mmCIF file of all heavy atoms, coordinates in Angstrom:
data_MODEL
# 
_entry.id   MODEL 
# 
loop_
_atom_site.group_PDB 
_atom_site.id 
_atom_site.type_symbol 
_atom_site.label_atom_id 
_atom_site.label_alt_id 
_atom_site.label_comp_id 
_atom_site.label_asym_id 
_atom_site.label_entity_id 
_atom_site.label_seq_id 
_atom_site.pdbx_PDB_ins_code 
_atom_site.Cartn_x 
_atom_site.Cartn_y 
_atom_site.Cartn_z 
_atom_site.occupancy 
_atom_site.B_iso_or_equiv 
_atom_site.pdbx_formal_charge 
_atom_site.auth_seq_id 
_atom_site.auth_comp_id 
_atom_site.auth_asym_id 
_atom_site.auth_atom_id 
_atom_site.pdbx_PDB_model_num 
ATOM 1   N N   . GLN A 1 1  ? 1.525  74.925 -0.733  1.00 0.00 ? 1  GLN A N   1 
ATOM 2   C CA  . GLN A 1 1  ? 2.047  74.616 -2.059  1.00 0.00 ? 1  GLN A CA  1 
ATOM 3   C C   . GLN A 1 1  ? 3.129  73.537 -2.006  1.00 0.00 ? 1  GLN A C   1 
ATOM 4   O O   . GLN A 1 1  ? 3.092  72.562 -2.748  1.00 0.00 ? 1  GLN A O   1 
ATOM 5   C CB  . GLN A 1 1  ? 2.622  75.888 -2.707  1.00 0.00 ? 1  GLN A CB  1 
ATOM 6   C CG  . GLN A 1 1  ? 3.224  75.696 -4.085  1.00 0.00 ? 1  GLN A CG  1 
ATOM 7   C CD  . GLN A 1 1  ? 2.160  75.547 -5.164  1.00 0.00 ? 1  GLN A CD  1 
ATOM 8   O OE1 . GLN A 1 1  ? 1.018  75.932 -4.957  1.00 0.00 ? 1  GLN A OE1 1 
ATOM 9   N NE2 . GLN A 1 1  ? 2.530  74.976 -6.311  1.00 0.00 ? 1  GLN A NE2 1 
ATOM 10  N N   . ASP A 1 2  ? 4.102  73.700 -1.101  1.00 0.00 ? 2  ASP A N   1 
ATOM 11  C CA  . ASP A 1 2  ? 5.193  72.725 -1.011  1.00 0.00 ? 2  ASP A CA  1 
ATOM 12  C C   . ASP A 1 2  ? 4.676  71.348 -0.614  1.00 0.00 ? 2  ASP A C   1 
ATOM 13  O O   . ASP A 1 2  ? 5.109  70.322 -1.153  1.00 0.00 ? 2  ASP A O   1 
ATOM 14  C CB  . ASP A 1 2  ? 6.245  73.196 0.005   1.00 0.00 ? 2  ASP A CB  1 
ATOM 15  C CG  . ASP A 1 2  ? 7.166  74.256 -0.564  1.00 0.00 ? 2  ASP A CG  1 
ATOM 16  O OD1 . ASP A 1 2  ? 7.053  74.537 -1.768  1.00 0.00 ? 2  ASP A OD1 1 
ATOM 17  O OD2 . ASP A 1 2  ? 7.993  74.802 0.195   1.00 0.00 ? 2  ASP A OD2 1 
ATOM 18  N N   . ILE A 1 3  ? 3.750  71.314 0.339   1.00 0.00 ? 3  ILE A N   1 
ATOM 19  C CA  . ILE A 1 3  ? 3.202  70.029 0.780   1.00 0.00 ? 3  ILE A CA  1 
ATOM 20  C C   . ILE A 1 3  ? 2.463  69.352 -0.368  1.00 0.00 ? 3  ILE A C   1 
ATOM 21  O O   . ILE A 1 3  ? 2.588  68.135 -0.572  1.00 0.00 ? 3  ILE A O   1 
ATOM 22  C CB  . ILE A 1 3  ? 2.265  70.227 1.990   1.00 0.00 ? 3  ILE A CB  1 
ATOM 23  C CG1 . ILE A 1 3  ? 3.050  70.757 3.185   1.00 0.00 ? 3  ILE A CG1 1 
ATOM 24  C CG2 . ILE A 1 3  ? 1.571  68.912 2.357   1.00 0.00 ? 3  ILE A CG2 1 
ATOM 25  C CD1 . ILE A 1 3  ? 2.191  71.087 4.395   1.00 0.00 ? 3  ILE A CD1 1 
ATOM 26  N N   . ALA A 1 4  ? 1.706  70.116 -1.146  1.00 0.00 ? 4  ALA A N   1 
ATOM 27  C CA  . ALA A 1 4  ? 0.958  69.554 -2.280  1.00 0.00 ? 4  ALA A CA  1 
ATOM 28  C C   . ALA A 1 4  ? 1.912  68.943 -3.305  1.00 0.00 ? 4  ALA A C   1 
ATOM 29  O O   . ALA A 1 4  ? 1.670  67.829 -3.807  1.00 0.00 ? 4  ALA A O   1 
ATOM 30  C CB  . ALA A 1 4  ? 0.101  70.631 -2.934  1.00 0.00 ? 4  ALA A CB  1 
ATOM 31  N N   . LEU A 1 5  ? 2.987  69.654 -3.606  1.00 0.00 ? 5  LEU A N   1 
ATOM 32  C CA  . LEU A 1 5  ? 3.939  69.142 -4.592  1.00 0.00 ? 5  LEU A CA  1 
ATOM 33  C C   . LEU A 1 5  ? 4.666  67.904 -4.070  1.00 0.00 ? 5  LEU A C   1 
ATOM 34  O O   . LEU A 1 5  ? 4.944  66.962 -4.828  1.00 0.00 ? 5  LEU A O   1 
ATOM 35  C CB  . LEU A 1 5  ? 4.943  70.239 -4.961  1.00 0.00 ? 5  LEU A CB  1 
ATOM 36  C CG  . LEU A 1 5  ? 4.356  71.427 -5.739  1.00 0.00 ? 5  LEU A CG  1 
ATOM 37  C CD1 . LEU A 1 5  ? 5.405  72.529 -5.907  1.00 0.00 ? 5  LEU A CD1 1 
ATOM 38  C CD2 . LEU A 1 5  ? 3.843  70.984 -7.102  1.00 0.00 ? 5  LEU A CD2 1 
ATOM 39  N N   . VAL A 1 6  ? 4.987  67.901 -2.773  1.00 0.00 ? 6  VAL A N   1 
ATOM 40  C CA  . VAL A 1 6  ? 5.631  66.727 -2.185  1.00 0.00 ? 6  VAL A CA  1 
ATOM 41  C C   . VAL A 1 6  ? 4.684  65.530 -2.222  1.00 0.00 ? 6  VAL A C   1 
ATOM 42  O O   . VAL A 1 6  ? 5.099  64.404 -2.529  1.00 0.00 ? 6  VAL A O   1 
ATOM 43  C CB  . VAL A 1 6  ? 6.094  67.024 -0.742  1.00 0.00 ? 6  VAL A CB  1 
ATOM 44  C CG1 . VAL A 1 6  ? 6.466  65.730 -0.015  1.00 0.00 ? 6  VAL A CG1 1 
ATOM 45  C CG2 . VAL A 1 6  ? 7.288  67.967 -0.754  1.00 0.00 ? 6  VAL A CG2 1 
ATOM 46  N N   . LEU A 1 7  ? 3.408  65.738 -1.912  1.00 0.00 ? 7  LEU A N   1 
ATOM 47  C CA  . LEU A 1 7  ? 2.431  64.646 -1.977  1.00 0.00 ? 7  LEU A CA  1 
ATOM 48  C C   . LEU A 1 7  ? 2.338  64.076 -3.393  1.00 0.00 ? 7  LEU A C   1 
ATOM 49  O O   . LEU A 1 7  ? 2.261  62.850 -3.586  1.00 0.00 ? 7  LEU A O   1 
ATOM 50  C CB  . LEU A 1 7  ? 1.052  65.140 -1.526  1.00 0.00 ? 7  LEU A CB  1 
ATOM 51  C CG  . LEU A 1 7  ? 0.852  65.333 -0.024  1.00 0.00 ? 7  LEU A CG  1 
ATOM 52  C CD1 . LEU A 1 7  ? -0.502 65.982 0.247   1.00 0.00 ? 7  LEU A CD1 1 
ATOM 53  C CD2 . LEU A 1 7  ? 0.944  63.996 0.704   1.00 0.00 ? 7  LEU A CD2 1 
ATOM 54  N N   . MET A 1 8  ? 2.363  64.957 -4.387  1.00 0.00 ? 8  MET A N   1 
ATOM 55  C CA  . MET A 1 8  ? 2.288  64.499 -5.777  1.00 0.00 ? 8  MET A CA  1 
ATOM 56  C C   . MET A 1 8  ? 3.517  63.666 -6.131  1.00 0.00 ? 8  MET A C   1 
ATOM 57  O O   . MET A 1 8  ? 3.405  62.602 -6.770  1.00 0.00 ? 8  MET A O   1 
ATOM 58  C CB  . MET A 1 8  ? 2.179  65.712 -6.705  1.00 0.00 ? 8  MET A CB  1 
ATOM 59  C CG  . MET A 1 8  ? 1.969  65.339 -8.173  1.00 0.00 ? 8  MET A CG  1 
ATOM 60  S SD  . MET A 1 8  ? 0.380  64.529 -8.440  1.00 0.00 ? 8  MET A SD  1 
ATOM 61  C CE  . MET A 1 8  ? 0.558  64.016 -10.145 1.00 0.00 ? 8  MET A CE  1 
ATOM 62  N N   . ASP A 1 9  ? 4.696  64.135 -5.706  1.00 0.00 ? 9  ASP A N   1 
ATOM 63  C CA  . ASP A 1 9  ? 5.921  63.373 -5.996  1.00 0.00 ? 9  ASP A CA  1 
ATOM 64  C C   . ASP A 1 9  ? 5.954  62.061 -5.223  1.00 0.00 ? 9  ASP A C   1 
ATOM 65  O O   . ASP A 1 9  ? 6.456  61.046 -5.713  1.00 0.00 ? 9  ASP A O   1 
ATOM 66  C CB  . ASP A 1 9  ? 7.153  64.214 -5.675  1.00 0.00 ? 9  ASP A CB  1 
ATOM 67  C CG  . ASP A 1 9  ? 7.453  65.241 -6.759  1.00 0.00 ? 9  ASP A CG  1 
ATOM 68  O OD1 . ASP A 1 9  ? 7.060  64.986 -7.916  1.00 0.00 ? 9  ASP A OD1 1 
ATOM 69  O OD2 . ASP A 1 9  ? 8.072  66.269 -6.460  1.00 0.00 ? 9  ASP A OD2 1 
ATOM 70  N N   . MET A 1 10 ? 5.429  62.056 -4.004  1.00 0.00 ? 10 MET A N   1 
ATOM 71  C CA  . MET A 1 10 ? 5.332  60.805 -3.251  1.00 0.00 ? 10 MET A CA  1 
ATOM 72  C C   . MET A 1 10 ? 4.471  59.794 -4.000  1.00 0.00 ? 10 MET A C   1 
ATOM 73  O O   . MET A 1 10 ? 4.805  58.600 -4.069  1.00 0.00 ? 10 MET A O   1 
ATOM 74  C CB  . MET A 1 10 ? 4.734  61.068 -1.866  1.00 0.00 ? 10 MET A CB  1 
ATOM 75  C CG  . MET A 1 10 ? 5.692  61.687 -0.864  1.00 0.00 ? 10 MET A CG  1 
ATOM 76  S SD  . MET A 1 10 ? 4.837  62.224 0.654   1.00 0.00 ? 10 MET A SD  1 
ATOM 77  C CE  . MET A 1 10 ? 3.920  60.745 1.090   1.00 0.00 ? 10 MET A CE  1 
ATOM 78  N N   . ALA A 1 11 ? 3.384  60.253 -4.557  1.00 0.00 ? 11 ALA A N   1 
ATOM 79  C CA  . ALA A 1 11 ? 2.500  59.355 -5.309  1.00 0.00 ? 11 ALA A CA  1 
ATOM 80  C C   . ALA A 1 11 ? 3.214  58.809 -6.533  1.00 0.00 ? 11 ALA A C   1 
ATOM 81  O O   . ALA A 1 11 ? 3.064  57.626 -6.877  1.00 0.00 ? 11 ALA A O   1 
ATOM 82  C CB  . ALA A 1 11 ? 1.232  60.096 -5.713  1.00 0.00 ? 11 ALA A CB  1 
ATOM 83  N N   . ARG A 1 12 ? 4.016  59.667 -7.187  1.00 0.00 ? 12 ARG A N   1 
ATOM 84  C CA  . ARG A 1 12 ? 4.777  59.200 -8.354  1.00 0.00 ? 12 ARG A CA  1 
ATOM 85  C C   . ARG A 1 12 ? 5.786  58.126 -7.941  1.00 0.00 ? 12 ARG A C   1 
ATOM 86  O O   . ARG A 1 12 ? 5.937  57.096 -8.609  1.00 0.00 ? 12 ARG A O   1 
ATOM 87  C CB  . ARG A 1 12 ? 5.508  60.371 -9.008  1.00 0.00 ? 12 ARG A CB  1 
ATOM 88  C CG  . ARG A 1 12 ? 4.612  61.363 -9.739  1.00 0.00 ? 12 ARG A CG  1 
ATOM 89  C CD  . ARG A 1 12 ? 5.457  62.292 -10.604 1.00 0.00 ? 12 ARG A CD  1 
ATOM 90  N NE  . ARG A 1 12 ? 4.647  63.274 -11.319 1.00 0.00 ? 12 ARG A NE  1 
ATOM 91  C CZ  . ARG A 1 12 ? 4.555  64.559 -10.989 1.00 0.00 ? 12 ARG A CZ  1 
ATOM 92  N NH1 . ARG A 1 12 ? 5.232  65.022 -9.944  1.00 0.00 ? 12 ARG A NH1 1 
ATOM 93  N NH2 . ARG A 1 12 ? 3.793  65.384 -11.683 1.00 0.00 ? 12 ARG A NH2 1 
ATOM 94  N N   . ILE A 1 13 ? 6.511  58.367 -6.862  1.00 0.00 ? 13 ILE A N   1 
ATOM 95  C CA  . ILE A 1 13 ? 7.527  57.412 -6.402  1.00 0.00 ? 13 ILE A CA  1 
ATOM 96  C C   . ILE A 1 13 ? 6.880  56.078 -6.057  1.00 0.00 ? 13 ILE A C   1 
ATOM 97  O O   . ILE A 1 13 ? 7.375  55.009 -6.415  1.00 0.00 ? 13 ILE A O   1 
ATOM 98  C CB  . ILE A 1 13 ? 8.286  57.985 -5.196  1.00 0.00 ? 13 ILE A CB  1 
ATOM 99  C CG1 . ILE A 1 13 ? 9.134  59.193 -5.629  1.00 0.00 ? 13 ILE A CG1 1 
ATOM 100 C CG2 . ILE A 1 13 ? 9.172  56.922 -4.557  1.00 0.00 ? 13 ILE A CG2 1 
ATOM 101 C CD1 . ILE A 1 13 ? 9.720  59.978 -4.486  1.00 0.00 ? 13 ILE A CD1 1 
ATOM 102 N N   . GLN A 1 14 ? 5.740  56.127 -5.360  1.00 0.00 ? 14 GLN A N   1 
ATOM 103 C CA  . GLN A 1 14 ? 5.036  54.896 -4.996  1.00 0.00 ? 14 GLN A CA  1 
ATOM 104 C C   . GLN A 1 14 ? 4.574  54.123 -6.227  1.00 0.00 ? 14 GLN A C   1 
ATOM 105 O O   . GLN A 1 14 ? 4.439  52.900 -6.184  1.00 0.00 ? 14 GLN A O   1 
ATOM 106 C CB  . GLN A 1 14 ? 3.819  55.226 -4.118  1.00 0.00 ? 14 GLN A CB  1 
ATOM 107 C CG  . GLN A 1 14 ? 4.183  55.715 -2.732  1.00 0.00 ? 14 GLN A CG  1 
ATOM 108 C CD  . GLN A 1 14 ? 2.965  56.152 -1.935  1.00 0.00 ? 14 GLN A CD  1 
ATOM 109 O OE1 . GLN A 1 14 ? 2.949  56.060 -0.731  1.00 0.00 ? 14 GLN A OE1 1 
ATOM 110 N NE2 . GLN A 1 14 ? 1.943  56.633 -2.615  1.00 0.00 ? 14 GLN A NE2 1 
ATOM 111 N N   . ASP A 1 15 ? 4.366  54.851 -7.315  1.00 0.00 ? 15 ASP A N   1 
ATOM 112 C CA  . ASP A 1 15 ? 3.888  54.219 -8.548  1.00 0.00 ? 15 ASP A CA  1 
ATOM 113 C C   . ASP A 1 15 ? 5.035  53.800 -9.462  1.00 0.00 ? 15 ASP A C   1 
ATOM 114 O O   . ASP A 1 15 ? 4.813  53.395 -10.594 1.00 0.00 ? 15 ASP A O   1 
ATOM 115 C CB  . ASP A 1 15 ? 2.956  55.185 -9.299  1.00 0.00 ? 15 ASP A CB  1 
ATOM 116 C CG  . ASP A 1 15 ? 1.842  54.450 -10.032 1.00 0.00 ? 15 ASP A CG  1 
ATOM 117 O OD1 . ASP A 1 15 ? 1.325  53.467 -9.469  1.00 0.00 ? 15 ASP A OD1 1 
ATOM 118 O OD2 . ASP A 1 15 ? 1.496  54.848 -11.155 1.00 0.00 ? 15 ASP A OD2 1 
ATOM 119 N N   . GLY A 1 16 ? 6.283  53.922 -8.963  1.00 0.00 ? 16 GLY A N   1 
ATOM 120 C CA  . GLY A 1 16 ? 7.425  53.472 -9.754  1.00 0.00 ? 16 GLY A CA  1 
ATOM 121 C C   . GLY A 1 16 ? 8.042  54.532 -10.629 1.00 0.00 ? 16 GLY A C   1 
ATOM 122 O O   . GLY A 1 16 ? 8.923  54.234 -11.437 1.00 0.00 ? 16 GLY A O   1 
ATOM 123 N N   . GLU A 1 17 ? 7.602  55.780 -10.499 1.00 0.00 ? 17 GLU A N   1 
ATOM 124 C CA  . GLU A 1 17 ? 8.165  56.868 -11.304 1.00 0.00 ? 17 GLU A CA  1 
ATOM 125 C C   . GLU A 1 17 ? 9.154  57.676 -10.464 1.00 0.00 ? 17 GLU A C   1 
ATOM 126 O O   . GLU A 1 17 ? 9.262  57.510 -9.248  1.00 0.00 ? 17 GLU A O   1 
ATOM 127 C CB  . GLU A 1 17 ? 7.049  57.792 -11.793 1.00 0.00 ? 17 GLU A CB  1 
ATOM 128 C CG  . GLU A 1 17 ? 6.121  57.187 -12.819 1.00 0.00 ? 17 GLU A CG  1 
ATOM 129 C CD  . GLU A 1 17 ? 5.182  58.237 -13.392 1.00 0.00 ? 17 GLU A CD  1 
ATOM 130 O OE1 . GLU A 1 17 ? 5.677  59.140 -14.104 1.00 0.00 ? 17 GLU A OE1 1 
ATOM 131 O OE2 . GLU A 1 17 ? 3.981  58.165 -13.122 1.00 0.00 ? 17 GLU A OE2 1 
ATOM 132 N N   . SER A 1 18 ? 9.850  58.582 -11.141 1.00 0.00 ? 18 SER A N   1 
ATOM 133 C CA  . SER A 1 18 ? 10.714 59.535 -10.443 1.00 0.00 ? 18 SER A CA  1 
ATOM 134 C C   . SER A 1 18 ? 9.986  60.865 -10.344 1.00 0.00 ? 18 SER A C   1 
ATOM 135 O O   . SER A 1 18 ? 9.103  61.166 -11.163 1.00 0.00 ? 18 SER A O   1 
ATOM 136 C CB  . SER A 1 18 ? 12.023 59.727 -11.209 1.00 0.00 ? 18 SER A CB  1 
ATOM 137 O OG  . SER A 1 18 ? 12.744 58.518 -11.277 1.00 0.00 ? 18 SER A OG  1 
ATOM 138 N N   . PRO A 1 19 ? 10.321 61.691 -9.352  1.00 0.00 ? 19 PRO A N   1 
ATOM 139 C CA  . PRO A 1 19 ? 9.738  63.036 -9.305  1.00 0.00 ? 19 PRO A CA  1 
ATOM 140 C C   . PRO A 1 19 ? 10.055 63.798 -10.591 1.00 0.00 ? 19 PRO A C   1 
ATOM 141 O O   . PRO A 1 19 ? 11.115 63.605 -11.189 1.00 0.00 ? 19 PRO A O   1 
ATOM 142 C CB  . PRO A 1 19 ? 10.419 63.680 -8.094  1.00 0.00 ? 19 PRO A CB  1 
ATOM 143 C CG  . PRO A 1 19 ? 10.872 62.526 -7.252  1.00 0.00 ? 19 PRO A CG  1 
ATOM 144 C CD  . PRO A 1 19 ? 11.222 61.435 -8.218  1.00 0.00 ? 19 PRO A CD  1 
ATOM 145 N N   . LYS A 1 20 ? 9.144  64.651 -11.001 1.00 0.00 ? 20 LYS A N   1 
ATOM 146 C CA  . LYS A 1 20 ? 9.382  65.448 -12.211 1.00 0.00 ? 20 LYS A CA  1 
ATOM 147 C C   . LYS A 1 20 ? 10.630 66.307 -12.052 1.00 0.00 ? 20 LYS A C   1 
ATOM 148 O O   . LYS A 1 20 ? 11.393 66.504 -12.982 1.00 0.00 ? 20 LYS A O   1 
ATOM 149 C CB  . LYS A 1 20 ? 8.163  66.341 -12.498 1.00 0.00 ? 20 LYS A CB  1 
ATOM 150 C CG  . LYS A 1 20 ? 6.916  65.597 -12.907 1.00 0.00 ? 20 LYS A CG  1 
ATOM 151 C CD  . LYS A 1 20 ? 7.012  65.089 -14.326 1.00 0.00 ? 20 LYS A CD  1 
ATOM 152 C CE  . LYS A 1 20 ? 5.695  64.476 -14.784 1.00 0.00 ? 20 LYS A CE  1 
ATOM 153 N NZ  . LYS A 1 20 ? 5.770  63.910 -16.137 1.00 0.00 ? 20 LYS A NZ  1 
ATOM 154 N N   . ASP A 1 21 ? 10.812 66.835 -10.829 1.00 0.00 ? 21 ASP A N   1 
ATOM 155 C CA  . ASP A 1 21 ? 11.960 67.695 -10.521 1.00 0.00 ? 21 ASP A CA  1 
ATOM 156 C C   . ASP A 1 21 ? 12.619 67.153 -9.248  1.00 0.00 ? 21 ASP A C   1 
ATOM 157 O O   . ASP A 1 21 ? 12.264 67.564 -8.138  1.00 0.00 ? 21 ASP A O   1 
ATOM 158 C CB  . ASP A 1 21 ? 11.492 69.146 -10.325 1.00 0.00 ? 21 ASP A CB  1 
ATOM 159 C CG  . ASP A 1 21 ? 12.627 70.085 -9.917  1.00 0.00 ? 21 ASP A CG  1 
ATOM 160 O OD1 . ASP A 1 21 ? 13.808 69.652 -9.969  1.00 0.00 ? 21 ASP A OD1 1 
ATOM 161 O OD2 . ASP A 1 21 ? 12.327 71.224 -9.533  1.00 0.00 ? 21 ASP A OD2 1 
ATOM 162 N N   . PRO A 1 22 ? 13.557 66.197 -9.385  1.00 0.00 ? 22 PRO A N   1 
ATOM 163 C CA  . PRO A 1 22 ? 14.153 65.590 -8.183  1.00 0.00 ? 22 PRO A CA  1 
ATOM 164 C C   . PRO A 1 22 ? 14.791 66.595 -7.237  1.00 0.00 ? 22 PRO A C   1 
ATOM 165 O O   . PRO A 1 22 ? 14.675 66.473 -6.015  1.00 0.00 ? 22 PRO A O   1 
ATOM 166 C CB  . PRO A 1 22 ? 15.196 64.628 -8.768  1.00 0.00 ? 22 PRO A CB  1 
ATOM 167 C CG  . PRO A 1 22 ? 14.698 64.311 -10.143 1.00 0.00 ? 22 PRO A CG  1 
ATOM 168 C CD  . PRO A 1 22 ? 14.056 65.571 -10.622 1.00 0.00 ? 22 PRO A CD  1 
ATOM 169 N N   . THR A 1 23 ? 15.484 67.601 -7.790  1.00 0.00 ? 23 THR A N   1 
ATOM 170 C CA  . THR A 1 23 ? 16.124 68.602 -6.930  1.00 0.00 ? 23 THR A CA  1 
ATOM 171 C C   . THR A 1 23 ? 15.080 69.408 -6.167  1.00 0.00 ? 23 THR A C   1 
ATOM 172 O O   . THR A 1 23 ? 15.203 69.641 -4.961  1.00 0.00 ? 23 THR A O   1 
ATOM 173 C CB  . THR A 1 23 ? 17.007 69.541 -7.777  1.00 0.00 ? 23 THR A CB  1 
ATOM 174 O OG1 . THR A 1 23 ? 17.998 68.762 -8.456  1.00 0.00 ? 23 THR A OG1 1 
ATOM 175 C CG2 . THR A 1 23 ? 17.684 70.578 -6.894  1.00 0.00 ? 23 THR A CG2 1 
ATOM 176 N N   . GLY A 1 24 ? 14.035 69.823 -6.880  1.00 0.00 ? 24 GLY A N   1 
ATOM 177 C CA  . GLY A 1 24 ? 12.968 70.576 -6.229  1.00 0.00 ? 24 GLY A CA  1 
ATOM 178 C C   . GLY A 1 24 ? 12.280 69.753 -5.153  1.00 0.00 ? 24 GLY A C   1 
ATOM 179 O O   . GLY A 1 24 ? 11.939 70.265 -4.078  1.00 0.00 ? 24 GLY A O   1 
# 
């Protein structure tokens, strides 16, 4: 679960967005 969420946030960052939950 944690790896999946990190991968999703990595994709967002690469696309110029911020993670939905930066602290998380």
